PDB file of N, CA and C in Angstrom:
ATOM      1  N   MET A   1      81.911  98.187  97.096  1.00  0.00           N
ATOM      2  CA  MET A   1      81.718  99.203  98.084  1.00  0.00           C
ATOM      3  C   MET A   1      82.974 100.021  98.260  1.00  0.00           C
ATOM      4  N   MET A   2      82.875 101.318  98.055  1.00  0.00           N
ATOM      5  CA  MET A   2      83.981 102.227  98.269  1.00  0.00           C
ATOM      6  C   MET A   2      84.234 102.324  99.790  1.00  0.00           C
ATOM      7  N   ILE A   3      85.490 102.323 100.159  1.00  0.00           N
ATOM      8  CA  ILE A   3      85.808 102.479 101.587  1.00  0.00           C
ATOM      9  C   ILE A   3      86.863 103.590 101.698  1.00  0.00           C
ATOM     10  N   ALA A   4      86.861 104.240 102.838  1.00  0.00           N
ATOM     11  CA  ALA A   4      87.883 105.233 103.124  1.00  0.00           C
ATOM     12  C   ALA A   4      88.051 105.210 104.627  1.00  0.00           C
ATOM     13  N   GLY A   5      89.226 105.565 105.100  1.00  0.00           N
ATOM     14  CA  GLY A   5      89.440 105.605 106.505  1.00  0.00           C
ATOM     15  C   GLY A   5      90.824 105.098 106.875  1.00  0.00           C
ATOM     16  N   THR A   6      91.090 105.051 108.168  1.00  0.00           N
ATOM     17  CA  THR A   6      92.388 104.607 108.697  1.00  0.00           C
ATOM     18  C   THR A   6      92.182 103.198 109.281  1.00  0.00           C
ATOM     19  N   PHE A   7      93.021 102.282 108.941  1.00  0.00           N
ATOM     20  CA  PHE A   7      92.888 100.936 109.383  1.00  0.00           C
ATOM     21  C   PHE A   7      94.204 100.400 109.940  1.00  0.00           C
ATOM     22  N   LYS A   8      94.109  99.572 110.971  1.00  0.00           N
ATOM     23  CA  LYS A   8      95.256  98.946 111.575  1.00  0.00           C
ATOM     24  C   LYS A   8      95.299  97.481 111.113  1.00  0.00           C
ATOM     25  N   LEU A   9      96.429  97.044 110.611  1.00  0.00           N
ATOM     26  CA  LEU A   9      96.553  95.688 110.092  1.00  0.00           C
ATOM     27  C   LEU A   9      96.920  94.769 111.240  1.00  0.00           C
ATOM     28  N   THR A  10      96.242  93.634 111.391  1.00  0.00           N
ATOM     29  CA  THR A  10      96.594  92.635 112.364  1.00  0.00           C
ATOM     30  C   THR A  10      97.603  91.681 111.810  1.00  0.00           C
ATOM     31  N   ASN A  11      97.629  91.537 110.483  1.00  0.00           N
ATOM     32  CA  ASN A  11      98.610  90.687 109.809  1.00  0.00           C
ATOM     33  C   ASN A  11      99.325  91.505 108.764  1.00  0.00           C
ATOM     34  N   GLY A  12     100.588  91.198 108.524  1.00  0.00           N
ATOM     35  CA  GLY A  12     101.294  91.909 107.463  1.00  0.00           C
ATOM     36  C   GLY A  12     100.726  91.567 106.105  1.00  0.00           C
ATOM     37  N   THR A  13     101.013  92.396 105.150  1.00  0.00           N
ATOM     38  CA  THR A  13     100.578  92.189 103.775  1.00  0.00           C
ATOM     39  C   THR A  13     101.558  92.780 102.811  1.00  0.00           C
ATOM     40  N   MET A  14     101.511  92.344 101.540  1.00  0.00           N
ATOM     41  CA  MET A  14     102.413  92.920 100.559  1.00  0.00           C
ATOM     42  C   MET A  14     101.649  93.928  99.743  1.00  0.00           C
ATOM     43  N   ALA A  15     102.380  94.912  99.266  1.00  0.00           N
ATOM     44  CA  ALA A  15     101.786  95.983  98.447  1.00  0.00           C
ATOM     45  C   ALA A  15     102.782  96.272  97.300  1.00  0.00           C
ATOM     46  N   ILE A  16     102.291  96.944  96.298  1.00  0.00           N
ATOM     47  CA  ILE A  16     103.117  97.288  95.148  1.00  0.00           C
ATOM     48  C   ILE A  16     103.234  98.824  95.144  1.00  0.00           C
ATOM     49  N   SER A  17     104.381  99.319  94.867  1.00  0.00           N
ATOM     50  CA  SER A  17     104.625 100.733  94.746  1.00  0.00           C
ATOM     51  C   SER A  17     103.816 101.298  93.620  1.00  0.00           C
ATOM     52  N   GLU A  18     103.008 102.345  93.842  1.00  0.00           N
ATOM     53  CA  GLU A  18     102.261 102.946  92.708  1.00  0.00           C
ATOM     54  C   GLU A  18     103.165 103.657  91.767  1.00  0.00           C
ATOM     55  N   LYS A  19     104.292 104.124  92.256  1.00  0.00           N
ATOM     56  CA  LYS A  19     105.218 104.905  91.434  1.00  0.00           C
ATOM     57  C   LYS A  19     105.773 104.137  90.265  1.00  0.00           C
ATOM     58  N   ASP A  20     106.298 102.950  90.528  1.00  0.00           N
ATOM     59  CA  ASP A  20     106.906 102.180  89.404  1.00  0.00           C
ATOM     60  C   ASP A  20     106.303 100.799  89.196  1.00  0.00           C
ATOM     61  N   ARG A  21     105.356 100.393  90.078  1.00  0.00           N
ATOM     62  CA  ARG A  21     104.693  99.100  89.977  1.00  0.00           C
ATOM     63  C   ARG A  21     105.601  97.908  89.894  1.00  0.00           C
ATOM     64  N   LYS A  22     106.858  98.079  90.266  1.00  0.00           N
ATOM     65  CA  LYS A  22     107.840  96.987  90.264  1.00  0.00           C
ATOM     66  C   LYS A  22     108.338  96.682  91.658  1.00  0.00           C
ATOM     67  N   SER A  23     108.289  97.677  92.560  1.00  0.00           N
ATOM     68  CA  SER A  23     108.770  97.478  93.912  1.00  0.00           C
ATOM     69  C   SER A  23     107.669  96.877  94.783  1.00  0.00           C
ATOM     70  N   VAL A  24     108.037  95.775  95.485  1.00  0.00           N
ATOM     71  CA  VAL A  24     107.132  95.158  96.432  1.00  0.00           C
ATOM     72  C   VAL A  24     107.489  95.678  97.835  1.00  0.00           C
ATOM     73  N   VAL A  25     106.496  96.097  98.549  1.00  0.00           N
ATOM     74  CA  VAL A  25     106.687  96.681  99.870  1.00  0.00           C
ATOM     75  C   VAL A  25     105.900  95.793 100.889  1.00  0.00           C
ATOM     76  N   LEU A  26     106.544  95.388 101.990  1.00  0.00           N
ATOM     77  CA  LEU A  26     105.894  94.665 103.014  1.00  0.00           C
ATOM     78  C   LEU A  26     105.339  95.678 104.025  1.00  0.00           C
ATOM     79  N   ILE A  27     104.057  95.594 104.262  1.00  0.00           N
ATOM     80  CA  ILE A  27     103.417  96.430 105.301  1.00  0.00           C
ATOM     81  C   ILE A  27     103.265  95.516 106.483  1.00  0.00           C
ATOM     82  N   PRO A  28     103.976  95.777 107.574  1.00  0.00           N
ATOM     83  CA  PRO A  28     103.985  94.861 108.713  1.00  0.00           C
ATOM     84  C   PRO A  28     102.701  94.857 109.525  1.00  0.00           C
ATOM     85  N   ALA A  29     102.508  93.765 110.261  1.00  0.00           N
ATOM     86  CA  ALA A  29     101.433  93.703 111.215  1.00  0.00           C
ATOM     87  C   ALA A  29     101.534  94.858 112.194  1.00  0.00           C
ATOM     88  N   GLY A  30     100.389  95.472 112.546  1.00  0.00           N
ATOM     89  CA  GLY A  30     100.380  96.573 113.457  1.00  0.00           C
ATOM     90  C   GLY A  30     100.492  97.921 112.802  1.00  0.00           C
ATOM     91  N   ALA A  31     100.751  97.925 111.526  1.00  0.00           N
ATOM     92  CA  ALA A  31     100.884  99.177 110.787  1.00  0.00           C
ATOM     93  C   ALA A  31      99.494  99.815 110.584  1.00  0.00           C
ATOM     94  N   CYS A  32      99.417 101.134 110.518  1.00  0.00           N
ATOM     95  CA  CYS A  32      98.232 101.842 110.189  1.00  0.00           C
ATOM     96  C   CYS A  32      98.337 102.333 108.764  1.00  0.00           C
ATOM     97  N   VAL A  33      97.307 102.108 107.989  1.00  0.00           N
ATOM     98  CA  VAL A  33      97.295 102.569 106.596  1.00  0.00           C
ATOM     99  C   VAL A  33      95.987 103.369 106.373  1.00  0.00           C
ATOM    100  N   VAL A  34      96.059 104.251 105.420  1.00  0.00           N
ATOM    101  CA  VAL A  34      94.887 105.078 105.044  1.00  0.00           C
ATOM    102  C   VAL A  34      94.482 104.664 103.661  1.00  0.00           C
ATOM    103  N   VAL A  35      93.217 104.257 103.512  1.00  0.00           N
ATOM    104  CA  VAL A  35      92.698 103.921 102.192  1.00  0.00           C
ATOM    105  C   VAL A  35      92.426 105.199 101.485  1.00  0.00           C
ATOM    106  N   VAL A  36      93.064 105.383 100.333  1.00  0.00           N
ATOM    107  CA  VAL A  36      92.955 106.603  99.535  1.00  0.00           C
ATOM    108  C   VAL A  36      91.872 106.447  98.508  1.00  0.00           C
ATOM    109  N   ASP A  37      91.787 105.299  97.855  1.00  0.00           N
ATOM    110  CA  ASP A  37      90.863 105.090  96.746  1.00  0.00           C
ATOM    111  C   ASP A  37      90.695 103.609  96.541  1.00  0.00           C
ATOM    112  N   GLY A  38      89.483 103.236  96.110  1.00  0.00           N
ATOM    113  CA  GLY A  38      89.262 101.844  95.689  1.00  0.00           C
ATOM    114  C   GLY A  38      87.941 101.316  96.176  1.00  0.00           C
ATOM    115  N   ASP A  39      87.409 100.440  95.348  1.00  0.00           N
ATOM    116  CA  ASP A  39      86.179  99.717  95.659  1.00  0.00           C
ATOM    117  C   ASP A  39      86.588  98.303  96.042  1.00  0.00           C
ATOM    118  N   ILE A  40      86.411  97.957  97.301  1.00  0.00           N
ATOM    119  CA  ILE A  40      86.865  96.682  97.798  1.00  0.00           C
ATOM    120  C   ILE A  40      86.139  95.491  97.147  1.00  0.00           C
ATOM    121  N   GLU A  41      84.992  95.721  96.563  1.00  0.00           N
ATOM    122  CA  GLU A  41      84.246  94.661  95.933  1.00  0.00           C
ATOM    123  C   GLU A  41      84.534  94.518  94.431  1.00  0.00           C
ATOM    124  N   GLN A  42      84.928  95.605  93.747  1.00  0.00           N
ATOM    125  CA  GLN A  42      85.019  95.573  92.292  1.00  0.00           C
ATOM    126  C   GLN A  42      86.439  95.819  91.738  1.00  0.00           C
ATOM    127  N   ASP A  43      87.256  96.592  92.460  1.00  0.00           N
ATOM    128  CA  ASP A  43      88.563  96.914  91.915  1.00  0.00           C
ATOM    129  C   ASP A  43      89.583  95.801  92.147  1.00  0.00           C
ATOM    130  N   LYS A  44      90.541  95.711  91.263  1.00  0.00           N
ATOM    131  CA  LYS A  44      91.608  94.681  91.427  1.00  0.00           C
ATOM    132  C   LYS A  44      92.633  95.107  92.435  1.00  0.00           C
ATOM    133  N   LEU A  45      92.778  96.427  92.653  1.00  0.00           N
ATOM    134  CA  LEU A  45      93.744  96.947  93.586  1.00  0.00           C
ATOM    135  C   LEU A  45      93.153  98.126  94.343  1.00  0.00           C
ATOM    136  N   LEU A  46      93.504  98.229  95.620  1.00  0.00           N
ATOM    137  CA  LEU A  46      93.146  99.386  96.411  1.00  0.00           C
ATOM    138  C   LEU A  46      94.326 100.287  96.551  1.00  0.00           C
ATOM    139  N   LYS A  47      94.106 101.584  96.596  1.00  0.00           N
ATOM    140  CA  LYS A  47      95.206 102.539  96.771  1.00  0.00           C
ATOM    141  C   LYS A  47      95.246 102.909  98.277  1.00  0.00           C
ATOM    142  N   VAL A  48      96.389 102.693  98.905  1.00  0.00           N
ATOM    143  CA  VAL A  48      96.558 102.991 100.307  1.00  0.00           C
ATOM    144  C   VAL A  48      97.762 103.858 100.508  1.00  0.00           C
ATOM    145  N   ARG A  49      97.784 104.650 101.627  1.00  0.00           N
ATOM    146  CA  ARG A  49      98.963 105.431 102.004  1.00  0.00           C
ATOM    147  C   ARG A  49      99.572 104.860 103.257  1.00  0.00           C
ATOM    148  N   TYR A  50     100.848 104.566 103.168  1.00  0.00           N
ATOM    149  CA  TYR A  50     101.610 104.042 104.316  1.00  0.00           C
ATOM    150  C   TYR A  50     102.975 104.699 104.294  1.00  0.00           C
ATOM    151  N   LYS A  51     103.353 105.321 105.409  1.00  0.00           N
ATOM    152  CA  LYS A  51     104.595 106.026 105.548  1.00  0.00           C
ATOM    153  C   LYS A  51     104.867 106.996 104.371  1.00  0.00           C
ATOM    154  N   GLU A  52     103.871 107.804 104.103  1.00  0.00           N
ATOM    155  CA  GLU A  52     103.979 108.839 103.066  1.00  0.00           C
ATOM    156  C   GLU A  52     104.136 108.285 101.629  1.00  0.00           C
ATOM    157  N   LYS A  53     103.943 106.958 101.478  1.00  0.00           N
ATOM    158  CA  LYS A  53     104.010 106.390 100.129  1.00  0.00           C
ATOM    159  C   LYS A  53     102.616 105.908  99.742  1.00  0.00           C
ATOM    160  N   VAL A  54     102.287 106.084  98.475  1.00  0.00           N
ATOM    161  CA  VAL A  54     101.014 105.501  97.971  1.00  0.00           C
ATOM    162  C   VAL A  54     101.283 104.170  97.404  1.00  0.00           C
ATOM    163  N   LEU A  55     100.598 103.148  97.898  1.00  0.00           N
ATOM    164  CA  LEU A  55     100.829 101.752  97.498  1.00  0.00           C
ATOM    165  C   LEU A  55      99.537 101.138  97.003  1.00  0.00           C
ATOM    166  N   LEU A  56      99.659 100.022  96.288  1.00  0.00           N
ATOM    167  CA  LEU A  56      98.533  99.279  95.798  1.00  0.00           C
ATOM    168  C   LEU A  56      98.448  97.943  96.450  1.00  0.00           C
ATOM    169  N   VAL A  57      97.275  97.581  96.969  1.00  0.00           N
ATOM    170  CA  VAL A  57      97.090  96.306  97.702  1.00  0.00           C
ATOM    171  C   VAL A  57      95.869  95.586  97.093  1.00  0.00           C
ATOM    172  N   ARG A  58      96.007  94.289  96.958  1.00  0.00           N
ATOM    173  CA  ARG A  58      94.845  93.487  96.489  1.00  0.00           C
ATOM    174  C   ARG A  58      93.775  93.489  97.586  1.00  0.00           C
ATOM    175  N   PRO A  59      92.507  93.697  97.203  1.00  0.00           N
ATOM    176  CA  PRO A  59      91.455  93.711  98.216  1.00  0.00           C
ATOM    177  C   PRO A  59      91.372  92.481  99.108  1.00  0.00           C
ATOM    178  N   ALA A  60      91.631  91.287  98.499  1.00  0.00           N
ATOM    179  CA  ALA A  60      91.635  90.061  99.349  1.00  0.00           C
ATOM    180  C   ALA A  60      92.729  90.089 100.377  1.00  0.00           C
ATOM    181  N   ASP A  61      93.905  90.575 100.014  1.00  0.00           N
ATOM    182  CA  ASP A  61      94.991  90.692 100.984  1.00  0.00           C
ATOM    183  C   ASP A  61      94.690  91.714 102.068  1.00  0.00           C
ATOM    184  N   PHE A  62      94.034  92.821 101.651  1.00  0.00           N
ATOM    185  CA  PHE A  62      93.668  93.847 102.588  1.00  0.00           C
ATOM    186  C   PHE A  62      92.679  93.331 103.626  1.00  0.00           C
ATOM    187  N   ARG A  63      91.683  92.623 103.145  1.00  0.00           N
ATOM    188  CA  ARG A  63      90.667  92.032 104.078  1.00  0.00           C
ATOM    189  C   ARG A  63      91.342  91.089 105.077  1.00  0.00           C
ATOM    190  N   ALA A  64      92.251  90.270 104.586  1.00  0.00           N
ATOM    191  CA  ALA A  64      92.923  89.289 105.445  1.00  0.00           C
ATOM    192  C   ALA A  64      93.793  89.942 106.495  1.00  0.00           C
ATOM    193  N   ALA A  65      94.262  91.106 106.220  1.00  0.00           N
ATOM    194  CA  ALA A  65      95.196  91.816 107.118  1.00  0.00           C
ATOM    195  C   ALA A  65      94.513  92.819 108.040  1.00  0.00           C
ATOM    196  N   LEU A  66      93.192  92.974 107.885  1.00  0.00           N
ATOM    197  CA  LEU A  66      92.506  94.093 108.500  1.00  0.00           C
ATOM    198  C   LEU A  66      92.035  93.915 109.916  1.00  0.00           C
ATOM    199  N   ASP A  67      92.213  94.964 110.679  1.00  0.00           N
ATOM    200  CA  ASP A  67      91.606  95.150 111.997  1.00  0.00           C
ATOM    201  C   ASP A  67      91.131  96.561 112.057  1.00  0.00           C
ATOM    202  N   LEU A  68      89.840  96.808 112.123  1.00  0.00           N
ATOM    203  CA  LEU A  68      89.280  98.131 111.970  1.00  0.00           C
ATOM    204  C   LEU A  68      89.723  99.082 113.120  1.00  0.00           C
ATOM    205  N   VAL A  69      90.264 100.262 112.711  1.00  0.00           N
ATOM    206  CA  VAL A  69      90.597 101.302 113.668  1.00  0.00           C
ATOM    207  C   VAL A  69      89.583 102.419 113.595  1.00  0.00           C
ATOM    208  N   ALA A  70      89.189 102.846 112.397  1.00  0.00           N
ATOM    209  CA  ALA A  70      88.202 103.871 112.194  1.00  0.00           C
ATOM    210  C   ALA A  70      87.055 103.277 111.377  1.00  0.00           C
ATOM    211  N   GLU A  71      85.843 103.647 111.704  1.00  0.00           N
ATOM    212  CA  GLU A  71      84.718 103.155 110.909  1.00  0.00           C
ATOM    213  C   GLU A  71      84.862 103.639 109.486  1.00  0.00           C
ATOM    214  N   PRO A  72      84.852 102.756 108.491  1.00  0.00           N
ATOM    215  CA  PRO A  72      84.989 103.279 107.140  1.00  0.00           C
ATOM    216  C   PRO A  72      83.779 104.055 106.725  1.00  0.00           C
ATOM    217  N   SER A  73      84.044 105.059 105.861  1.00  0.00           N
ATOM    218  CA  SER A  73      82.943 105.846 105.343  1.00  0.00           C
ATOM    219  C   SER A  73      82.599 105.344 103.964  1.00  0.00           C
ATOM    220  N   THR A  74      81.342 105.224 103.652  1.00  0.00           N
ATOM    221  CA  THR A  74      80.920 104.754 102.347  1.00  0.00           C
ATOM    222  C   THR A  74      80.748 105.956 101.427  1.00  0.00           C
ATOM    223  N   LEU A  75      81.416 105.955 100.288  1.00  0.00           N
ATOM    224  CA  LEU A  75      81.368 107.078  99.410  1.00  0.00           C
ATOM    225  C   LEU A  75      80.330 106.854  98.302  1.00  0.00           C
TER     226      LEU A  75
END
């Protein structure tokens, strides 16, 4: 299922920088992220925007950290 929207994380999670795929970024609990692209059921990584950076997050990690802020839209 494709998801898009703004989400508030209740737990922190790790992400990978899309730019070089070597930098690990910690997204703290309470942070708001925007899902840019990804199928939470089929893709290995979701593309999210946090603090003007595009990051990659594993769907399982995203689900574990999630607290819904905006109803996701199905694309």
